[in-house]
Amino acid sequence: MRLGNVRPERVKRIARELLAKYPDKFTANFEENKKVLSNIAHIPSSRLRNSIAGYITRLVSISEMRSATANKK
């Protein structure tokens, strides 16, 4: 059994809001998402920015996997 990462609700809320507002700017690439975050939002620390970028990357990759499996059916 694999356990997931525990992320603060603040990270999740900010990530979901940004993903809803800018859905076409984010990809499944963490490094690109860090750069996009630096350009569109003022994040006070690099650690918080990295957490948000990581969660956005996870959400995008999950959504891509779901759409890929839906297209196979």
PDB file of N, CA and C in Angstrom:
ATOM      1  N   MET A   1       0.834  -1.179   0.000  1.00  0.00           N
ATOM      2  CA  MET A   1       0.000   0.000   0.000  1.00  0.00           C
ATOM      3  C   MET A   1       0.877   1.240   0.000  1.00  0.00           C
ATOM      4  N   ARG A   2       0.540   2.168  -0.876  1.00  0.00           N
ATOM      5  CA  ARG A   2       1.334   3.378  -1.014  1.00  0.00           C
ATOM      6  C   ARG A   2       0.567   4.552  -0.424  1.00  0.00           C
ATOM      7  N   LEU A   3       1.226   5.308   0.428  1.00  0.00           N
ATOM      8  CA  LEU A   3       0.594   6.468   1.033  1.00  0.00           C
ATOM      9  C   LEU A   3       0.904   7.714   0.207  1.00  0.00           C
ATOM     10  N   GLY A   4      -0.015   8.646   0.177  1.00  0.00           N
ATOM     11  CA  GLY A   4       0.182   9.865  -0.598  1.00  0.00           C
ATOM     12  C   GLY A   4       0.809  10.965   0.231  1.00  0.00           C
ATOM     13  N   ASN A   5       1.096  12.064  -0.436  1.00  0.00           N
ATOM     14  CA  ASN A   5       1.643  13.224   0.252  1.00  0.00           C
ATOM     15  C   ASN A   5       0.544  13.945   1.011  1.00  0.00           C
ATOM     16  N   VAL A   6       0.891  14.451   2.176  1.00  0.00           N
ATOM     17  CA  VAL A   6      -0.044  15.263   2.934  1.00  0.00           C
ATOM     18  C   VAL A   6       0.293  16.713   2.605  1.00  0.00           C
ATOM     19  N   ARG A   7      -0.688  17.431   2.065  1.00  0.00           N
ATOM     20  CA  ARG A   7      -0.459  18.815   1.693  1.00  0.00           C
ATOM     21  C   ARG A   7      -1.412  19.705   2.475  1.00  0.00           C
ATOM     22  N   PRO A   8      -0.954  20.878   2.872  1.00  0.00           N
ATOM     23  CA  PRO A   8      -1.846  21.790   3.583  1.00  0.00           C
ATOM     24  C   PRO A   8      -3.016  22.229   2.694  1.00  0.00           C
ATOM     25  N   GLU A   9      -4.131  22.513   3.318  1.00  0.00           N
ATOM     26  CA  GLU A   9      -5.312  22.930   2.575  1.00  0.00           C
ATOM     27  C   GLU A   9      -5.035  24.219   1.797  1.00  0.00           C
ATOM     28  N   ARG A  10      -4.177  25.073   2.326  1.00  0.00           N
ATOM     29  CA  ARG A  10      -3.829  26.332   1.636  1.00  0.00           C
ATOM     30  C   ARG A  10      -3.199  26.054   0.281  1.00  0.00           C
ATOM     31  N   VAL A  11      -2.292  25.080   0.222  1.00  0.00           N
ATOM     32  CA  VAL A  11      -1.638  24.713  -1.038  1.00  0.00           C
ATOM     33  C   VAL A  11      -2.676  24.196  -2.025  1.00  0.00           C
ATOM     34  N   LYS A  12      -3.567  23.325  -1.548  1.00  0.00           N
ATOM     35  CA  LYS A  12      -4.582  22.752  -2.418  1.00  0.00           C
ATOM     36  C   LYS A  12      -5.539  23.818  -2.940  1.00  0.00           C
ATOM     37  N   ARG A  13      -5.970  24.727  -2.062  1.00  0.00           N
ATOM     38  CA  ARG A  13      -6.920  25.768  -2.458  1.00  0.00           C
ATOM     39  C   ARG A  13      -6.310  26.687  -3.504  1.00  0.00           C
ATOM     40  N   ILE A  14      -5.086  27.154  -3.260  1.00  0.00           N
ATOM     41  CA  ILE A  14      -4.418  28.050  -4.209  1.00  0.00           C
ATOM     42  C   ILE A  14      -4.211  27.346  -5.542  1.00  0.00           C
ATOM     43  N   ALA A  15      -3.779  26.098  -5.506  1.00  0.00           N
ATOM     44  CA  ALA A  15      -3.525  25.339  -6.735  1.00  0.00           C
ATOM     45  C   ALA A  15      -4.804  25.172  -7.546  1.00  0.00           C
ATOM     46  N   ARG A  16      -5.899  24.808  -6.875  1.00  0.00           N
ATOM     47  CA  ARG A  16      -7.170  24.622  -7.595  1.00  0.00           C
ATOM     48  C   ARG A  16      -7.669  25.932  -8.192  1.00  0.00           C
ATOM     49  N   GLU A  17      -7.541  27.030  -7.438  1.00  0.00           N
ATOM     50  CA  GLU A  17      -7.983  28.333  -7.942  1.00  0.00           C
ATOM     51  C   GLU A  17      -7.180  28.742  -9.173  1.00  0.00           C
ATOM     52  N   LEU A  18      -5.868  28.592  -9.115  1.00  0.00           N
ATOM     53  CA  LEU A  18      -5.019  28.968 -10.249  1.00  0.00           C
ATOM     54  C   LEU A  18      -5.273  28.069 -11.454  1.00  0.00           C
ATOM     55  N   LEU A  19      -5.491  26.790 -11.207  1.00  0.00           N
ATOM     56  CA  LEU A  19      -5.756  25.857 -12.295  1.00  0.00           C
ATOM     57  C   LEU A  19      -7.101  26.153 -12.955  1.00  0.00           C
ATOM     58  N   ALA A  20      -8.069  26.576 -12.160  1.00  0.00           N
ATOM     59  CA  ALA A  20      -9.376  26.934 -12.718  1.00  0.00           C
ATOM     60  C   ALA A  20      -9.292  28.237 -13.510  1.00  0.00           C
ATOM     61  N   LYS A  21      -8.478  29.171 -13.028  1.00  0.00           N
ATOM     62  CA  LYS A  21      -8.358  30.478 -13.681  1.00  0.00           C
ATOM     63  C   LYS A  21      -7.494  30.421 -14.944  1.00  0.00           C
ATOM     64  N   TYR A  22      -6.432  29.613 -14.919  1.00  0.00           N
ATOM     65  CA  TYR A  22      -5.495  29.514 -16.040  1.00  0.00           C
ATOM     66  C   TYR A  22      -5.313  28.047 -16.460  1.00  0.00           C
ATOM     67  N   PRO A  23      -6.349  27.376 -16.948  1.00  0.00           N
ATOM     68  CA  PRO A  23      -6.219  25.935 -17.244  1.00  0.00           C
ATOM     69  C   PRO A  23      -5.263  25.623 -18.393  1.00  0.00           C
ATOM     70  N   ASP A  24      -5.091  26.541 -19.332  1.00  0.00           N
ATOM     71  CA  ASP A  24      -4.245  26.271 -20.496  1.00  0.00           C
ATOM     72  C   ASP A  24      -2.774  26.590 -20.254  1.00  0.00           C
ATOM     73  N   LYS A  25      -2.432  27.214 -19.129  1.00  0.00           N
ATOM     74  CA  LYS A  25      -1.041  27.596 -18.879  1.00  0.00           C
ATOM     75  C   LYS A  25      -0.224  26.495 -18.211  1.00  0.00           C
ATOM     76  N   PHE A  26      -0.882  25.565 -17.527  1.00  0.00           N
ATOM     77  CA  PHE A  26      -0.157  24.555 -16.760  1.00  0.00           C
ATOM     78  C   PHE A  26      -0.057  23.247 -17.520  1.00  0.00           C
ATOM     79  N   THR A  27       1.056  22.533 -17.293  1.00  0.00           N
ATOM     80  CA  THR A  27       1.307  21.257 -17.950  1.00  0.00           C
ATOM     81  C   THR A  27       1.647  20.202 -16.893  1.00  0.00           C
ATOM     82  N   ALA A  28       2.025  19.031 -17.332  1.00  0.00           N
ATOM     83  CA  ALA A  28       2.439  17.965 -16.421  1.00  0.00           C
ATOM     84  C   ALA A  28       3.940  18.056 -16.117  1.00  0.00           C
ATOM     85  N   ASN A  29       4.569  19.174 -16.448  1.00  0.00           N
ATOM     86  CA  ASN A  29       5.994  19.379 -16.208  1.00  0.00           C
ATOM     87  C   ASN A  29       6.175  20.326 -15.021  1.00  0.00           C
ATOM     88  N   PHE A  30       6.792  19.840 -13.958  1.00  0.00           N
ATOM     89  CA  PHE A  30       6.981  20.615 -12.734  1.00  0.00           C
ATOM     90  C   PHE A  30       7.788  21.899 -12.966  1.00  0.00           C
ATOM     91  N   GLU A  31       8.881  21.800 -13.699  1.00  0.00           N
ATOM     92  CA  GLU A  31       9.743  22.965 -13.920  1.00  0.00           C
ATOM     93  C   GLU A  31       9.004  24.073 -14.673  1.00  0.00           C
ATOM     94  N   GLU A  32       8.225  23.698 -15.680  1.00  0.00           N
ATOM     95  CA  GLU A  32       7.448  24.695 -16.421  1.00  0.00           C
ATOM     96  C   GLU A  32       6.401  25.331 -15.518  1.00  0.00           C
ATOM     97  N   ASN A  33       5.772  24.543 -14.673  1.00  0.00           N
ATOM     98  CA  ASN A  33       4.751  25.070 -13.779  1.00  0.00           C
ATOM     99  C   ASN A  33       5.331  26.052 -12.766  1.00  0.00           C
ATOM    100  N   LYS A  34       6.570  25.806 -12.318  1.00  0.00           N
ATOM    101  CA  LYS A  34       7.226  26.757 -11.414  1.00  0.00           C
ATOM    102  C   LYS A  34       7.411  28.109 -12.101  1.00  0.00           C
ATOM    103  N   LYS A  35       7.824  28.087 -13.359  1.00  0.00           N
ATOM    104  CA  LYS A  35       8.024  29.335 -14.099  1.00  0.00           C
ATOM    105  C   LYS A  35       6.709  30.062 -14.322  1.00  0.00           C
ATOM    106  N   VAL A  36       5.664  29.316 -14.664  1.00  0.00           N
ATOM    107  CA  VAL A  36       4.347  29.926 -14.879  1.00  0.00           C
ATOM    108  C   VAL A  36       3.857  30.571 -13.588  1.00  0.00           C
ATOM    109  N   LEU A  37       4.025  29.878 -12.464  1.00  0.00           N
ATOM    110  CA  LEU A  37       3.605  30.433 -11.176  1.00  0.00           C
ATOM    111  C   LEU A  37       4.346  31.720 -10.854  1.00  0.00           C
ATOM    112  N   SER A  38       5.625  31.754 -11.136  1.00  0.00           N
ATOM    113  CA  SER A  38       6.408  32.961 -10.872  1.00  0.00           C
ATOM    114  C   SER A  38       5.900  34.145 -11.682  1.00  0.00           C
ATOM    115  N   ASN A  39       5.378  33.873 -12.880  1.00  0.00           N
ATOM    116  CA  ASN A  39       4.898  34.948 -13.740  1.00  0.00           C
ATOM    117  C   ASN A  39       3.482  35.413 -13.408  1.00  0.00           C
ATOM    118  N   ILE A  40       2.608  34.512 -12.982  1.00  0.00           N
ATOM    119  CA  ILE A  40       1.204  34.900 -12.823  1.00  0.00           C
ATOM    120  C   ILE A  40       0.794  35.184 -11.387  1.00  0.00           C
ATOM    121  N   ALA A  41       1.573  34.753 -10.400  1.00  0.00           N
ATOM    122  CA  ALA A  41       1.166  34.938  -9.012  1.00  0.00           C
ATOM    123  C   ALA A  41       2.359  35.347  -8.156  1.00  0.00           C
ATOM    124  N   HIS A  42       2.073  36.118  -7.131  1.00  0.00           N
ATOM    125  CA  HIS A  42       3.123  36.497  -6.176  1.00  0.00           C
ATOM    126  C   HIS A  42       3.069  35.495  -5.029  1.00  0.00           C
ATOM    127  N   ILE A  43       4.033  34.583  -4.998  1.00  0.00           N
ATOM    128  CA  ILE A  43       4.127  33.573  -3.948  1.00  0.00           C
ATOM    129  C   ILE A  43       5.296  33.994  -3.053  1.00  0.00           C
ATOM    130  N   PRO A  44       5.057  34.168  -1.743  1.00  0.00           N
ATOM    131  CA  PRO A  44       6.090  34.749  -0.876  1.00  0.00           C
ATOM    132  C   PRO A  44       7.348  33.903  -0.682  1.00  0.00           C
ATOM    133  N   SER A  45       7.263  32.580  -0.818  1.00  0.00           N
ATOM    134  CA  SER A  45       8.461  31.766  -0.612  1.00  0.00           C
ATOM    135  C   SER A  45       8.593  30.721  -1.715  1.00  0.00           C
ATOM    136  N   SER A  46       9.819  30.328  -1.963  1.00  0.00           N
ATOM    137  CA  SER A  46      10.052  29.333  -3.006  1.00  0.00           C
ATOM    138  C   SER A  46       9.533  27.963  -2.569  1.00  0.00           C
ATOM    139  N   ARG A  47       9.551  27.683  -1.281  1.00  0.00           N
ATOM    140  CA  ARG A  47       9.036  26.402  -0.801  1.00  0.00           C
ATOM    141  C   ARG A  47       7.530  26.289  -1.047  1.00  0.00           C
ATOM    142  N   LEU A  48       6.795  27.364  -0.779  1.00  0.00           N
ATOM    143  CA  LEU A  48       5.358  27.365  -1.038  1.00  0.00           C
ATOM    144  C   LEU A  48       5.092  27.279  -2.537  1.00  0.00           C
ATOM    145  N   ARG A  49       5.865  28.016  -3.337  1.00  0.00           N
ATOM    146  CA  ARG A  49       5.715  27.965  -4.795  1.00  0.00           C
ATOM    147  C   ARG A  49       5.938  26.552  -5.314  1.00  0.00           C
ATOM    148  N   ASN A  50       6.958  25.878  -4.800  1.00  0.00           N
ATOM    149  CA  ASN A  50       7.248  24.516  -5.234  1.00  0.00           C
ATOM    150  C   ASN A  50       6.146  23.539  -4.830  1.00  0.00           C
ATOM    151  N   SER A  51       5.583  23.733  -3.650  1.00  0.00           N
ATOM    152  CA  SER A  51       4.486  22.873  -3.210  1.00  0.00           C
ATOM    153  C   SER A  51       3.268  23.042  -4.103  1.00  0.00           C
ATOM    154  N   ILE A  52       2.954  24.287  -4.422  1.00  0.00           N
ATOM    155  CA  ILE A  52       1.812  24.576  -5.287  1.00  0.00           C
ATOM    156  C   ILE A  52       2.062  24.022  -6.686  1.00  0.00           C
ATOM    157  N   ALA A  53       3.265  24.245  -7.213  1.00  0.00           N
ATOM    158  CA  ALA A  53       3.598  23.747  -8.551  1.00  0.00           C
ATOM    159  C   ALA A  53       3.542  22.218  -8.583  1.00  0.00           C
ATOM    160  N   GLY A  54       3.997  21.574  -7.534  1.00  0.00           N
ATOM    161  CA  GLY A  54       3.950  20.125  -7.470  1.00  0.00           C
ATOM    162  C   GLY A  54       2.531  19.590  -7.444  1.00  0.00           C
ATOM    163  N   TYR A  55       1.663  20.256  -6.692  1.00  0.00           N
ATOM    164  CA  TYR A  55       0.278  19.806  -6.627  1.00  0.00           C
ATOM    165  C   TYR A  55      -0.441  20.050  -7.953  1.00  0.00           C
ATOM    166  N   ILE A  56      -0.159  21.187  -8.589  1.00  0.00           N
ATOM    167  CA  ILE A  56      -0.746  21.460  -9.912  1.00  0.00           C
ATOM    168  C   ILE A  56      -0.274  20.409 -10.911  1.00  0.00           C
ATOM    169  N   THR A  57       1.005  20.062 -10.879  1.00  0.00           N
ATOM    170  CA  THR A  57       1.541  19.037 -11.769  1.00  0.00           C
ATOM    171  C   THR A  57       0.811  17.715 -11.550  1.00  0.00           C
ATOM    172  N   ARG A  58       0.570  17.372 -10.305  1.00  0.00           N
ATOM    173  CA  ARG A  58      -0.141  16.140  -9.978  1.00  0.00           C
ATOM    174  C   ARG A  58      -1.575  16.169 -10.513  1.00  0.00           C
ATOM    175  N   LEU A  59      -2.266  17.296 -10.309  1.00  0.00           N
ATOM    176  CA  LEU A  59      -3.646  17.416 -10.787  1.00  0.00           C
ATOM    177  C   LEU A  59      -3.725  17.323 -12.311  1.00  0.00           C
ATOM    178  N   VAL A  60      -2.793  17.977 -12.995  1.00  0.00           N
ATOM    179  CA  VAL A  60      -2.797  17.960 -14.461  1.00  0.00           C
ATOM    180  C   VAL A  60      -2.501  16.554 -14.972  1.00  0.00           C
ATOM    181  N   SER A  61      -1.526  15.877 -14.372  1.00  0.00           N
ATOM    182  CA  SER A  61      -1.181  14.534 -14.854  1.00  0.00           C
ATOM    183  C   SER A  61      -2.325  13.549 -14.592  1.00  0.00           C
ATOM    184  N   ILE A  62      -3.020  13.682 -13.471  1.00  0.00           N
ATOM    185  CA  ILE A  62      -4.182  12.826 -13.196  1.00  0.00           C
ATOM    186  C   ILE A  62      -5.270  13.083 -14.225  1.00  0.00           C
ATOM    187  N   SER A  63      -5.517  14.351 -14.514  1.00  0.00           N
ATOM    188  CA  SER A  63      -6.564  14.676 -15.485  1.00  0.00           C
ATOM    189  C   SER A  63      -6.197  14.176 -16.879  1.00  0.00           C
ATOM    190  N   GLU A  64      -4.917  14.226 -17.251  1.00  0.00           N
ATOM    191  CA  GLU A  64      -4.483  13.703 -18.548  1.00  0.00           C
ATOM    192  C   GLU A  64      -4.645  12.189 -18.608  1.00  0.00           C
ATOM    193  N   MET A  65      -4.346  11.505 -17.512  1.00  0.00           N
ATOM    194  CA  MET A  65      -4.512  10.046 -17.486  1.00  0.00           C
ATOM    195  C   MET A  65      -5.976   9.670 -17.603  1.00  0.00           C
ATOM    196  N   ARG A  66      -6.844  10.397 -16.925  1.00  0.00           N
ATOM    197  CA  ARG A  66      -8.272  10.101 -16.987  1.00  0.00           C
ATOM    198  C   ARG A  66      -8.820  10.342 -18.387  1.00  0.00           C
ATOM    199  N   SER A  67      -8.385  11.415 -19.027  1.00  0.00           N
ATOM    200  CA  SER A  67      -8.890  11.679 -20.381  1.00  0.00           C
ATOM    201  C   SER A  67      -8.339  10.654 -21.376  1.00  0.00           C
ATOM    202  N   ALA A  68      -7.122  10.177 -21.152  1.00  0.00           N
ATOM    203  CA  ALA A  68      -6.543   9.173 -22.041  1.00  0.00           C
ATOM    204  C   ALA A  68      -7.283   7.848 -21.922  1.00  0.00           C
ATOM    205  N   THR A  69      -7.636   7.473 -20.698  1.00  0.00           N
ATOM    206  CA  THR A  69      -8.363   6.216 -20.526  1.00  0.00           C
ATOM    207  C   THR A  69      -9.805   6.343 -21.010  1.00  0.00           C
ATOM    208  N   ALA A  70     -10.365   7.522 -20.910  1.00  0.00           N
ATOM    209  CA  ALA A  70     -11.731   7.733 -21.405  1.00  0.00           C
ATOM    210  C   ALA A  70     -11.760   7.656 -22.937  1.00  0.00           C
ATOM    211  N   ASN A  71     -10.695   8.104 -23.593  1.00  0.00           N
ATOM    212  CA  ASN A  71     -10.627   8.052 -25.053  1.00  0.00           C
ATOM    213  C   ASN A  71     -10.418   6.636 -25.564  1.00  0.00           C
ATOM    214  N   LYS A  72      -9.825   5.763 -24.752  1.00  0.00           N
ATOM    215  CA  LYS A  72      -9.589   4.381 -25.166  1.00  0.00           C
ATOM    216  C   LYS A  72     -10.873   3.582 -25.203  1.00  0.00           C
ATOM    217  N   LYS A  73     -11.824   3.967 -24.367  1.00  0.00           N
ATOM    218  CA  LYS A  73     -13.077   3.189 -24.276  1.00  0.00           C
ATOM    219  C   LYS A  73     -13.994   3.424 -25.425  1.00  0.00           C
TER     220      LYS A  73
END
